[in-house]
Amino acid sequence: MARQDYEYVRRGTANIFCIVEPKAGRHLTYATPNRTAKQFARALRRIAQRYRSARTIHLVMDNLNTHRDRPEPELRLADPSSALSR
């Protein structure tokens, strides 16, 4: 029997932000074309919108540079009273 091989052709990449709420058994996923601070800020805004009534939202993140760097002023959350802004 002859050995068969294949060639993998990469057609691009994408990024997926996954927000997990384990006690409720829910998760939110957001696919983005890239992984930039701007895309991360948008994901944070979506979390804030999803949990508008929350007093506090705790984030557990890895050390990715988009998570550590200070966001540009235009990327900060629009609503300073948001649970993510505190």
C-alpha atoms as a PDB file:
ATOM      1  CA  MET A   1       0.000   0.000   0.000  1.00  0.00           C
ATOM      2  CA  ALA A   2       1.445   3.372  -1.013  1.00  0.00           C
ATOM      3  CA  ARG A   3       1.764   6.107   1.547  1.00  0.00           C
ATOM      4  CA  GLN A   4      -0.361   9.187   0.866  1.00  0.00           C
ATOM      5  CA  ASP A   5       0.471  12.674   2.014  1.00  0.00           C
ATOM      6  CA  TYR A   6      -1.356  15.927   1.703  1.00  0.00           C
ATOM      7  CA  GLU A   7      -0.367  19.551   1.542  1.00  0.00           C
ATOM      8  CA  TYR A   8      -1.957  21.936   3.998  1.00  0.00           C
ATOM      9  CA  VAL A   9      -2.792  25.285   2.443  1.00  0.00           C
ATOM     10  CA  ARG A  10      -3.431  28.063   4.919  1.00  0.00           C
ATOM     11  CA  ARG A  11      -6.248  30.368   3.812  1.00  0.00           C
ATOM     12  CA  GLY A  12      -5.809  32.999   6.499  1.00  0.00           C
ATOM     13  CA  THR A  13      -6.360  33.326  10.211  1.00  0.00           C
ATOM     14  CA  ALA A  14      -8.987  34.622  12.583  1.00  0.00           C
ATOM     15  CA  ASN A  15      -9.296  35.315  16.268  1.00  0.00           C
ATOM     16  CA  ILE A  16     -11.995  34.163  18.656  1.00  0.00           C
ATOM     17  CA  PHE A  17     -12.724  35.870  21.960  1.00  0.00           C
ATOM     18  CA  CYS A  18     -14.570  33.514  24.301  1.00  0.00           C
ATOM     19  CA  ILE A  19     -16.328  34.769  27.389  1.00  0.00           C
ATOM     20  CA  VAL A  20     -17.306  32.009  29.807  1.00  0.00           C
ATOM     21  CA  GLU A  21     -19.864  32.186  32.590  1.00  0.00           C
ATOM     22  CA  PRO A  22     -19.383  28.738  34.162  1.00  0.00           C
ATOM     23  CA  LYS A  23     -22.005  28.906  36.929  1.00  0.00           C
ATOM     24  CA  ALA A  24     -24.727  29.783  34.432  1.00  0.00           C
ATOM     25  CA  GLY A  25     -23.434  27.326  31.831  1.00  0.00           C
ATOM     26  CA  ARG A  26     -23.133  30.074  29.213  1.00  0.00           C
ATOM     27  CA  HIS A  27     -20.435  31.303  26.917  1.00  0.00           C
ATOM     28  CA  LEU A  28     -20.246  34.123  24.398  1.00  0.00           C
ATOM     29  CA  THR A  29     -17.913  33.955  21.428  1.00  0.00           C
ATOM     30  CA  TYR A  30     -16.882  36.726  19.085  1.00  0.00           C
ATOM     31  CA  ALA A  31     -14.887  36.024  15.951  1.00  0.00           C
ATOM     32  CA  THR A  32     -12.717  38.859  14.659  1.00  0.00           C
ATOM     33  CA  PRO A  33     -10.445  39.115  11.629  1.00  0.00           C
ATOM     34  CA  ASN A  34      -7.447  39.900  13.849  1.00  0.00           C
ATOM     35  CA  ARG A  35      -6.374  40.235  17.461  1.00  0.00           C
ATOM     36  CA  THR A  36      -5.812  43.888  18.204  1.00  0.00           C
ATOM     37  CA  ALA A  37      -6.455  46.156  21.176  1.00  0.00           C
ATOM     38  CA  LYS A  38      -9.338  47.652  19.209  1.00  0.00           C
ATOM     39  CA  GLN A  39     -10.974  44.243  18.733  1.00  0.00           C
ATOM     40  CA  PHE A  40     -10.400  43.426  22.415  1.00  0.00           C
ATOM     41  CA  ALA A  41     -12.053  46.716  23.439  1.00  0.00           C
ATOM     42  CA  ARG A  42     -15.057  45.821  21.285  1.00  0.00           C
ATOM     43  CA  ALA A  43     -15.302  42.427  23.010  1.00  0.00           C
ATOM     44  CA  LEU A  44     -15.233  44.208  26.399  1.00  0.00           C
ATOM     45  CA  ARG A  45     -18.024  46.524  25.261  1.00  0.00           C
ATOM     46  CA  ARG A  46     -20.107  43.508  24.273  1.00  0.00           C
ATOM     47  CA  ILE A  47     -19.570  41.993  27.714  1.00  0.00           C
ATOM     48  CA  ALA A  48     -20.626  45.269  29.351  1.00  0.00           C
ATOM     49  CA  GLN A  49     -23.747  45.428  27.162  1.00  0.00           C
ATOM     50  CA  ARG A  50     -24.640  41.814  27.896  1.00  0.00           C
ATOM     51  CA  TYR A  51     -24.376  42.334  31.662  1.00  0.00           C
ATOM     52  CA  ARG A  52     -25.691  45.901  32.015  1.00  0.00           C
ATOM     53  CA  SER A  53     -27.276  45.265  35.399  1.00  0.00           C
ATOM     54  CA  ALA A  54     -24.130  43.719  36.938  1.00  0.00           C
ATOM     55  CA  ARG A  55     -22.520  45.723  39.734  1.00  0.00           C
ATOM     56  CA  THR A  56     -19.124  44.145  39.083  1.00  0.00           C
ATOM     57  CA  ILE A  57     -17.696  41.991  36.303  1.00  0.00           C
ATOM     58  CA  HIS A  58     -14.540  40.016  37.091  1.00  0.00           C
ATOM     59  CA  LEU A  59     -12.209  39.348  34.173  1.00  0.00           C
ATOM     60  CA  VAL A  60      -9.614  36.573  34.109  1.00  0.00           C
ATOM     61  CA  MET A  61      -7.229  37.060  31.209  1.00  0.00           C
ATOM     62  CA  ASP A  62      -3.945  35.723  29.941  1.00  0.00           C
ATOM     63  CA  ASN A  63      -0.870  37.880  29.329  1.00  0.00           C
ATOM     64  CA  LEU A  64      -1.645  38.735  25.725  1.00  0.00           C
ATOM     65  CA  ASN A  65      -0.353  42.198  24.879  1.00  0.00           C
ATOM     66  CA  THR A  66      -3.817  43.461  23.903  1.00  0.00           C
ATOM     67  CA  HIS A  67      -4.962  42.698  27.452  1.00  0.00           C
ATOM     68  CA  ARG A  68      -2.053  44.350  29.270  1.00  0.00           C
ATOM     69  CA  ASP A  69      -1.517  47.574  27.346  1.00  0.00           C
ATOM     70  CA  ARG A  70      -3.465  50.661  28.320  1.00  0.00           C
ATOM     71  CA  PRO A  71      -6.223  51.190  25.772  1.00  0.00           C
ATOM     72  CA  GLU A  72      -6.176  54.277  23.636  1.00  0.00           C
ATOM     73  CA  PRO A  73      -8.682  56.908  24.818  1.00  0.00           C
ATOM     74  CA  GLU A  74     -11.006  56.245  21.881  1.00  0.00           C
ATOM     75  CA  LEU A  75     -11.110  52.532  22.768  1.00  0.00           C
ATOM     76  CA  ARG A  76     -12.157  52.958  26.388  1.00  0.00           C
ATOM     77  CA  LEU A  77     -15.671  52.063  27.373  1.00  0.00           C
ATOM     78  CA  ALA A  78     -18.140  54.743  26.428  1.00  0.00           C
ATOM     79  CA  ASP A  79     -20.073  54.430  29.672  1.00  0.00           C
ATOM     80  CA  PRO A  80     -17.817  55.138  32.660  1.00  0.00           C
ATOM     81  CA  SER A  81     -20.502  53.784  35.004  1.00  0.00           C
ATOM     82  CA  SER A  82     -20.202  50.335  33.414  1.00  0.00           C
ATOM     83  CA  ALA A  83     -19.275  47.450  35.715  1.00  0.00           C
ATOM     84  CA  LEU A  84     -16.151  46.917  33.571  1.00  0.00           C
ATOM     85  CA  SER A  85     -14.995  50.510  34.081  1.00  0.00           C
ATOM     86  CA  ARG A  86     -14.686  50.214  37.843  1.00  0.00           C
END
